[in-house]
């Protein structure tokens, strides 16, 4: 009886190959699952790396277009427009072409412009004689006379009534025909205007001076 019980509990020899096959199948399936999850993990890591790269590109592009200076957000356009069209574009964003009220601001603007020519808001389009800022800032001729290029403004051919930054220097202002297409600058002061301005501008532009706006 005891031997019969032992025999009954023993696994038949012919069942061992099948058990080995089942184990091999399970092992193969597990290895396949490991490879699958490894591939998925690598894909996720690649996606994360790509997103980080895109975030860095966006951050860089944003810094090339928007610059914070003393609590205001300045926008430096990427494409060129005649002065009136540039001003209308600024108005559509809740602003005006930039005014300049101090030497510090002048230095900030021409350094950021980095030698590219940009419209500012100074003009004499109304009476062809008196300069004024489009944003309502009082034009102080005595305070800003050092910002003009030597010999300017000269109103060449009586047809230069808009002002731009012409070079990377303190003396960078020059009067120019308002129909000339140039890049332009405006700024937003209030936080809610900053948020609105970014929303209205839409997607971030490509690196400096290459995108359309």
C-alpha atoms as a PDB file:
ATOM      1  CA  UNK A   1       0.000   0.000   0.000  1.00  0.00           C
ATOM      2  CA  UNK A   2       2.769   2.420   0.915  1.00  0.00           C
ATOM      3  CA  UNK A   3       4.592   1.812  -2.340  1.00  0.00           C
ATOM      4  CA  UNK A   4       1.397   2.287  -4.302  1.00  0.00           C
ATOM      5  CA  UNK A   5       0.863   5.696  -2.641  1.00  0.00           C
ATOM      6  CA  UNK A   6       4.338   6.815  -3.464  1.00  0.00           C
ATOM      7  CA  UNK A   7       3.909   5.705  -7.052  1.00  0.00           C
ATOM      8  CA  UNK A   8       0.650   7.597  -7.388  1.00  0.00           C
ATOM      9  CA  UNK A   9       2.295  10.862  -6.236  1.00  0.00           C
ATOM     10  CA  UNK A  10       5.145  10.576  -8.694  1.00  0.00           C
ATOM     11  CA  UNK A  11       4.959  12.541 -11.958  1.00  0.00           C
ATOM     12  CA  UNK A  12       4.877  10.274 -14.993  1.00  0.00           C
ATOM     13  CA  UNK A  13       8.034  10.483 -17.043  1.00  0.00           C
ATOM     14  CA  UNK A  14       6.209  11.242 -20.249  1.00  0.00           C
ATOM     15  CA  UNK A  15       4.772  14.453 -18.729  1.00  0.00           C
ATOM     16  CA  UNK A  16       8.194  16.033 -18.084  1.00  0.00           C
ATOM     17  CA  UNK A  17       8.899  17.091 -21.704  1.00  0.00           C
ATOM     18  CA  UNK A  18       5.533  18.893 -21.863  1.00  0.00           C
ATOM     19  CA  UNK A  19       6.238  20.721 -18.596  1.00  0.00           C
ATOM     20  CA  UNK A  20       9.595  21.794 -19.974  1.00  0.00           C
ATOM     21  CA  UNK A  21       7.928  23.025 -23.140  1.00  0.00           C
ATOM     22  CA  UNK A  22       5.349  24.980 -21.132  1.00  0.00           C
ATOM     23  CA  UNK A  23       8.106  26.531 -19.034  1.00  0.00           C
ATOM     24  CA  UNK A  24      10.035  27.453 -22.156  1.00  0.00           C
ATOM     25  CA  UNK A  25       6.939  29.098 -23.666  1.00  0.00           C
ATOM     26  CA  UNK A  26       6.320  31.068 -20.485  1.00  0.00           C
ATOM     27  CA  UNK A  27       9.964  32.107 -20.341  1.00  0.00           C
ATOM     28  CA  UNK A  28       9.868  33.199 -23.973  1.00  0.00           C
ATOM     29  CA  UNK A  29       6.678  35.180 -23.339  1.00  0.00           C
ATOM     30  CA  UNK A  30       8.243  36.861 -20.302  1.00  0.00           C
ATOM     31  CA  UNK A  31      11.347  37.770 -22.283  1.00  0.00           C
ATOM     32  CA  UNK A  32       9.149  39.191 -25.052  1.00  0.00           C
ATOM     33  CA  UNK A  33       7.229  41.234 -22.483  1.00  0.00           C
ATOM     34  CA  UNK A  34      10.485  42.540 -21.023  1.00  0.00           C
ATOM     35  CA  UNK A  35      11.701  43.595 -24.469  1.00  0.00           C
ATOM     36  CA  UNK A  36       8.324  45.195 -25.204  1.00  0.00           C
ATOM     37  CA  UNK A  37       8.294  47.218 -21.993  1.00  0.00           C
ATOM     38  CA  UNK A  38      11.925  48.140 -22.497  1.00  0.00           C
ATOM     39  CA  UNK A  39      11.084  49.460 -25.963  1.00  0.00           C
ATOM     40  CA  UNK A  40       8.119  51.379 -24.563  1.00  0.00           C
ATOM     41  CA  UNK A  41      10.278  52.860 -21.805  1.00  0.00           C
ATOM     42  CA  UNK A  42      12.907  53.928 -24.328  1.00  0.00           C
ATOM     43  CA  UNK A  43      10.162  55.546 -26.421  1.00  0.00           C
ATOM     44  CA  UNK A  44       8.822  57.410 -23.387  1.00  0.00           C
ATOM     45  CA  UNK A  45      12.321  58.572 -22.453  1.00  0.00           C
ATOM     46  CA  UNK A  46      12.884  59.738 -26.028  1.00  0.00           C
ATOM     47  CA  UNK A  47       9.593  61.661 -25.927  1.00  0.00           C
ATOM     48  CA  UNK A  48      10.573  63.289 -22.640  1.00  0.00           C
ATOM     49  CA  UNK A  49      13.952  64.273 -24.076  1.00  0.00           C
ATOM     50  CA  UNK A  50      12.251  65.695 -27.172  1.00  0.00           C
ATOM     51  CA  UNK A  51       9.815  67.710 -25.045  1.00  0.00           C
ATOM     52  CA  UNK A  52      12.681  69.061 -22.962  1.00  0.00           C
ATOM     53  CA  UNK A  53      14.464  70.046 -26.146  1.00  0.00           C
ATOM     54  CA  UNK A  54      11.359  71.759 -27.506  1.00  0.00           C
ATOM     55  CA  UNK A  55      10.871  73.558 -24.204  1.00  0.00           C
ATOM     56  CA  UNK A  56      14.428  74.869 -24.351  1.00  0.00           C
ATOM     57  CA  UNK A  57      13.940  76.004 -27.952  1.00  0.00           C
ATOM     58  CA  UNK A  58      10.709  77.785 -27.021  1.00  0.00           C
ATOM     59  CA  UNK A  59      12.379  79.408 -24.021  1.00  0.00           C
ATOM     60  CA  UNK A  60      15.239  80.594 -26.207  1.00  0.00           C
ATOM     61  CA  UNK A  61      12.934  81.894 -28.930  1.00  0.00           C
ATOM     62  CA  UNK A  62      10.767  83.655 -26.372  1.00  0.00           C
ATOM     63  CA  UNK A  63      13.801  85.413 -24.923  1.00  0.00           C
ATOM     64  CA  UNK A  64      14.827  86.489 -28.437  1.00  0.00           C
ATOM     65  CA  UNK A  65      11.464  88.175 -29.037  1.00  0.00           C
ATOM     66  CA  UNK A  66      10.269  89.282 -25.618  1.00  0.00           C
ATOM     67  CA  UNK A  67      12.448  91.035 -23.080  1.00  0.00           C
ATOM     68  CA  UNK A  68      11.444  92.256 -19.635  1.00  0.00           C
ATOM     69  CA  UNK A  69      12.863  95.637 -18.695  1.00  0.00           C
ATOM     70  CA  UNK A  70      11.913  97.434 -15.465  1.00  0.00           C
ATOM     71  CA  UNK A  71       8.555  95.716 -15.182  1.00  0.00           C
ATOM     72  CA  UNK A  72       7.528  96.081 -18.829  1.00  0.00           C
ATOM     73  CA  UNK A  73       7.526  93.408 -21.515  1.00  0.00           C
ATOM     74  CA  UNK A  74       9.139  94.606 -24.747  1.00  0.00           C
ATOM     75  CA  UNK A  75       8.387  92.964 -28.071  1.00  0.00           C
ATOM     76  CA  UNK A  76      10.916  93.138 -30.922  1.00  0.00           C
ATOM     77  CA  UNK A  77       9.243  92.230 -34.216  1.00  0.00           C
ATOM     78  CA  UNK A  78      10.742  89.739 -36.626  1.00  0.00           C
ATOM     79  CA  UNK A  79       9.491  91.214 -39.877  1.00  0.00           C
ATOM     80  CA  UNK A  80       9.380  94.663 -41.378  1.00  0.00           C
ATOM     81  CA  UNK A  81       6.436  97.024 -41.849  1.00  0.00           C
ATOM     82  CA  UNK A  82       5.963 100.660 -42.855  1.00  0.00           C
ATOM     83  CA  UNK A  83       5.634 102.865 -39.779  1.00  0.00           C
ATOM     84  CA  UNK A  84       1.825 103.187 -39.904  1.00  0.00           C
ATOM     85  CA  UNK A  85       1.322  99.440 -40.323  1.00  0.00           C
ATOM     86  CA  UNK A  86       3.742  98.819 -37.468  1.00  0.00           C
ATOM     87  CA  UNK A  87       1.793 101.187 -35.215  1.00  0.00           C
ATOM     88  CA  UNK A  88      -1.511  99.541 -36.166  1.00  0.00           C
ATOM     89  CA  UNK A  89      -0.018  96.161 -35.339  1.00  0.00           C
ATOM     90  CA  UNK A  90       1.004  97.477 -31.923  1.00  0.00           C
ATOM     91  CA  UNK A  91      -2.475  98.915 -31.330  1.00  0.00           C
ATOM     92  CA  UNK A  92      -4.023  95.532 -32.123  1.00  0.00           C
ATOM     93  CA  UNK A  93      -1.972  94.141 -29.217  1.00  0.00           C
ATOM     94  CA  UNK A  94      -3.099  96.877 -26.834  1.00  0.00           C
ATOM     95  CA  UNK A  95       0.035  98.982 -27.139  1.00  0.00           C
ATOM     96  CA  UNK A  96       1.890 101.534 -29.290  1.00  0.00           C
ATOM     97  CA  UNK A  97       5.319 101.782 -30.823  1.00  0.00           C
ATOM     98  CA  UNK A  98       7.759 102.266 -27.988  1.00  0.00           C
ATOM     99  CA  UNK A  99       8.618 105.629 -26.516  1.00  0.00           C
ATOM    100  CA  UNK A 100      12.000 106.348 -24.904  1.00  0.00           C
ATOM    101  CA  UNK A 101      12.102 108.345 -21.679  1.00  0.00           C
ATOM    102  CA  UNK A 102      15.611 107.841 -20.297  1.00  0.00           C
ATOM    103  CA  UNK A 103      19.188 107.117 -21.271  1.00  0.00           C
ATOM    104  CA  UNK A 104      18.962 103.723 -19.545  1.00  0.00           C
ATOM    105  CA  UNK A 105      15.970 102.772 -21.671  1.00  0.00           C
ATOM    106  CA  UNK A 106      17.709 104.046 -24.800  1.00  0.00           C
ATOM    107  CA  UNK A 107      20.757 101.895 -24.041  1.00  0.00           C
ATOM    108  CA  UNK A 108      18.576  98.865 -23.352  1.00  0.00           C
ATOM    109  CA  UNK A 109      16.739  99.273 -26.671  1.00  0.00           C
ATOM    110  CA  UNK A 110      19.694  99.815 -28.987  1.00  0.00           C
ATOM    111  CA  UNK A 111      21.652  97.014 -27.327  1.00  0.00           C
ATOM    112  CA  UNK A 112      18.741  94.611 -27.700  1.00  0.00           C
ATOM    113  CA  UNK A 113      18.216  95.749 -31.313  1.00  0.00           C
ATOM    114  CA  UNK A 114      21.862  94.775 -31.852  1.00  0.00           C
ATOM    115  CA  UNK A 115      22.401  96.815 -34.985  1.00  0.00           C
ATOM    116  CA  UNK A 116      19.088  95.972 -36.671  1.00  0.00           C
ATOM    117  CA  UNK A 117      16.894  98.936 -37.576  1.00  0.00           C
ATOM    118  CA  UNK A 118      13.624  99.276 -35.638  1.00  0.00           C
ATOM    119  CA  UNK A 119      10.851 101.834 -35.668  1.00  0.00           C
ATOM    120  CA  UNK A 120      10.044 103.616 -32.426  1.00  0.00           C
ATOM    121  CA  UNK A 121       6.952 105.717 -31.730  1.00  0.00           C
ATOM    122  CA  UNK A 122       8.424 109.173 -32.354  1.00  0.00           C
ATOM    123  CA  UNK A 123       6.963 110.950 -35.382  1.00  0.00           C
ATOM    124  CA  UNK A 124       5.755 114.288 -36.770  1.00  0.00           C
ATOM    125  CA  UNK A 125       3.189 112.977 -39.213  1.00  0.00           C
ATOM    126  CA  UNK A 126       0.396 115.330 -38.098  1.00  0.00           C
ATOM    127  CA  UNK A 127       1.928 118.748 -38.804  1.00  0.00           C
ATOM    128  CA  UNK A 128       5.267 117.678 -40.338  1.00  0.00           C
ATOM    129  CA  UNK A 129       6.987 119.921 -37.777  1.00  0.00           C
ATOM    130  CA  UNK A 130       6.487 118.792 -34.173  1.00  0.00           C
ATOM    131  CA  UNK A 131       7.627 115.413 -32.884  1.00  0.00           C
ATOM    132  CA  UNK A 132       5.419 113.442 -30.511  1.00  0.00           C
ATOM    133  CA  UNK A 133       5.189 109.900 -29.147  1.00  0.00           C
ATOM    134  CA  UNK A 134       2.249 107.768 -30.246  1.00  0.00           C
ATOM    135  CA  UNK A 135       1.642 106.447 -26.713  1.00  0.00           C
ATOM    136  CA  UNK A 136       1.019 109.959 -25.373  1.00  0.00           C
ATOM    137  CA  UNK A 137       4.364 110.311 -23.598  1.00  0.00           C
ATOM    138  CA  UNK A 138       5.554 113.924 -23.635  1.00  0.00           C
ATOM    139  CA  UNK A 139       8.466 114.366 -26.027  1.00  0.00           C
ATOM    140  CA  UNK A 140      11.335 116.070 -24.191  1.00  0.00           C
ATOM    141  CA  UNK A 141      13.561 117.449 -26.933  1.00  0.00           C
ATOM    142  CA  UNK A 142      16.277 118.666 -24.564  1.00  0.00           C
ATOM    143  CA  UNK A 143      16.444 115.377 -22.682  1.00  0.00           C
ATOM    144  CA  UNK A 144      16.674 113.229 -25.802  1.00  0.00           C
ATOM    145  CA  UNK A 145      18.801 115.378 -28.098  1.00  0.00           C
ATOM    146  CA  UNK A 146      21.819 113.173 -27.359  1.00  0.00           C
ATOM    147  CA  UNK A 147      19.972 110.186 -28.847  1.00  0.00           C
ATOM    148  CA  UNK A 148      20.015 111.595 -32.391  1.00  0.00           C
ATOM    149  CA  UNK A 149      22.680 110.678 -34.924  1.00  0.00           C
ATOM    150  CA  UNK A 150      24.851 113.728 -35.598  1.00  0.00           C
ATOM    151  CA  UNK A 151      23.086 115.942 -38.134  1.00  0.00           C
ATOM    152  CA  UNK A 152      19.676 114.387 -37.482  1.00  0.00           C
ATOM    153  CA  UNK A 153      16.802 114.927 -37.719  1.00  0.00           C
ATOM    154  CA  UNK A 154      17.284 116.511 -41.130  1.00  0.00           C
ATOM    155  CA  UNK A 155      13.914 115.746 -42.783  1.00  0.00           C
ATOM    156  CA  UNK A 156      15.623 114.921 -46.071  1.00  0.00           C
ATOM    157  CA  UNK A 157      13.511 116.020 -49.065  1.00  0.00           C
ATOM    158  CA  UNK A 158      10.868 117.118 -46.565  1.00  0.00           C
ATOM    159  CA  UNK A 159       9.702 113.514 -46.441  1.00  0.00           C
ATOM    160  CA  UNK A 160      11.164 112.006 -43.253  1.00  0.00           C
ATOM    161  CA  UNK A 161       8.605 112.165 -40.464  1.00  0.00           C
ATOM    162  CA  UNK A 162       9.109 108.891 -38.563  1.00  0.00           C
ATOM    163  CA  UNK A 163      12.001 107.882 -36.314  1.00  0.00           C
ATOM    164  CA  UNK A 164      13.937 104.640 -35.981  1.00  0.00           C
ATOM    165  CA  UNK A 165      16.947 103.156 -34.226  1.00  0.00           C
ATOM    166  CA  UNK A 166      19.572 103.128 -36.958  1.00  0.00           C
ATOM    167  CA  UNK A 167      22.610 101.663 -35.209  1.00  0.00           C
ATOM    168  CA  UNK A 168      23.920 100.095 -32.009  1.00  0.00           C
ATOM    169  CA  UNK A 169      24.915 103.324 -30.296  1.00  0.00           C
ATOM    170  CA  UNK A 170      23.541 105.931 -27.898  1.00  0.00           C
ATOM    171  CA  UNK A 171      23.252 108.326 -30.842  1.00  0.00           C
ATOM    172  CA  UNK A 172      21.069 106.039 -32.930  1.00  0.00           C
ATOM    173  CA  UNK A 173      17.903 107.992 -33.799  1.00  0.00           C
ATOM    174  CA  UNK A 174      17.327 108.953 -37.401  1.00  0.00           C
ATOM    175  CA  UNK A 175      14.266 110.377 -39.144  1.00  0.00           C
ATOM    176  CA  UNK A 176      13.156 108.375 -42.166  1.00  0.00           C
ATOM    177  CA  UNK A 177      10.410 108.121 -44.756  1.00  0.00           C
ATOM    178  CA  UNK A 178       7.462 106.513 -42.934  1.00  0.00           C
ATOM    179  CA  UNK A 179       6.834 104.171 -45.862  1.00  0.00           C
ATOM    180  CA  UNK A 180      10.164 102.427 -45.352  1.00  0.00           C
ATOM    181  CA  UNK A 181       9.665  98.855 -44.082  1.00  0.00           C
ATOM    182  CA  UNK A 182      11.466  98.258 -40.790  1.00  0.00           C
ATOM    183  CA  UNK A 183      11.167  96.029 -37.761  1.00  0.00           C
ATOM    184  CA  UNK A 184       9.471  97.644 -34.782  1.00  0.00           C
ATOM    185  CA  UNK A 185       9.270  97.633 -30.985  1.00  0.00           C
ATOM    186  CA  UNK A 186       6.410  97.968 -28.530  1.00  0.00           C
ATOM    187  CA  UNK A 187       5.970  97.234 -24.846  1.00  0.00           C
ATOM    188  CA  UNK A 188       3.224  96.169 -22.436  1.00  0.00           C
ATOM    189  CA  UNK A 189       3.153  97.452 -18.865  1.00  0.00           C
ATOM    190  CA  UNK A 190       0.383  95.747 -16.918  1.00  0.00           C
ATOM    191  CA  UNK A 191       0.502  92.002 -16.113  1.00  0.00           C
ATOM    192  CA  UNK A 192      -2.919  91.401 -17.644  1.00  0.00           C
ATOM    193  CA  UNK A 193      -1.815  93.220 -20.805  1.00  0.00           C
ATOM    194  CA  UNK A 194       1.300  91.097 -20.904  1.00  0.00           C
ATOM    195  CA  UNK A 195      -0.810  87.958 -20.716  1.00  0.00           C
ATOM    196  CA  UNK A 196      -3.207  89.265 -23.340  1.00  0.00           C
ATOM    197  CA  UNK A 197      -0.374  90.287 -25.614  1.00  0.00           C
ATOM    198  CA  UNK A 198       1.218  86.846 -25.542  1.00  0.00           C
ATOM    199  CA  UNK A 199      -2.143  85.167 -26.141  1.00  0.00           C
ATOM    200  CA  UNK A 200      -2.896  87.407 -29.108  1.00  0.00           C
ATOM    201  CA  UNK A 201       0.523  86.979 -30.630  1.00  0.00           C
ATOM    202  CA  UNK A 202      -0.085  83.249 -30.729  1.00  0.00           C
ATOM    203  CA  UNK A 203       2.718  80.774 -31.249  1.00  0.00           C
ATOM    204  CA  UNK A 204       6.286  81.703 -30.559  1.00  0.00           C
ATOM    205  CA  UNK A 205       8.176  82.896 -33.601  1.00  0.00           C
ATOM    206  CA  UNK A 206      11.292  81.201 -34.969  1.00  0.00           C
ATOM    207  CA  UNK A 207      14.703  82.619 -34.029  1.00  0.00           C
ATOM    208  CA  UNK A 208      15.389  86.295 -34.461  1.00  0.00           C
ATOM    209  CA  UNK A 209      14.621  88.155 -37.663  1.00  0.00           C
ATOM    210  CA  UNK A 210      13.457  85.104 -39.633  1.00  0.00           C
ATOM    211  CA  UNK A 211       9.765  84.625 -38.888  1.00  0.00           C
ATOM    212  CA  UNK A 212       6.684  86.374 -40.155  1.00  0.00           C
ATOM    213  CA  UNK A 213       4.661  88.671 -37.949  1.00  0.00           C
END
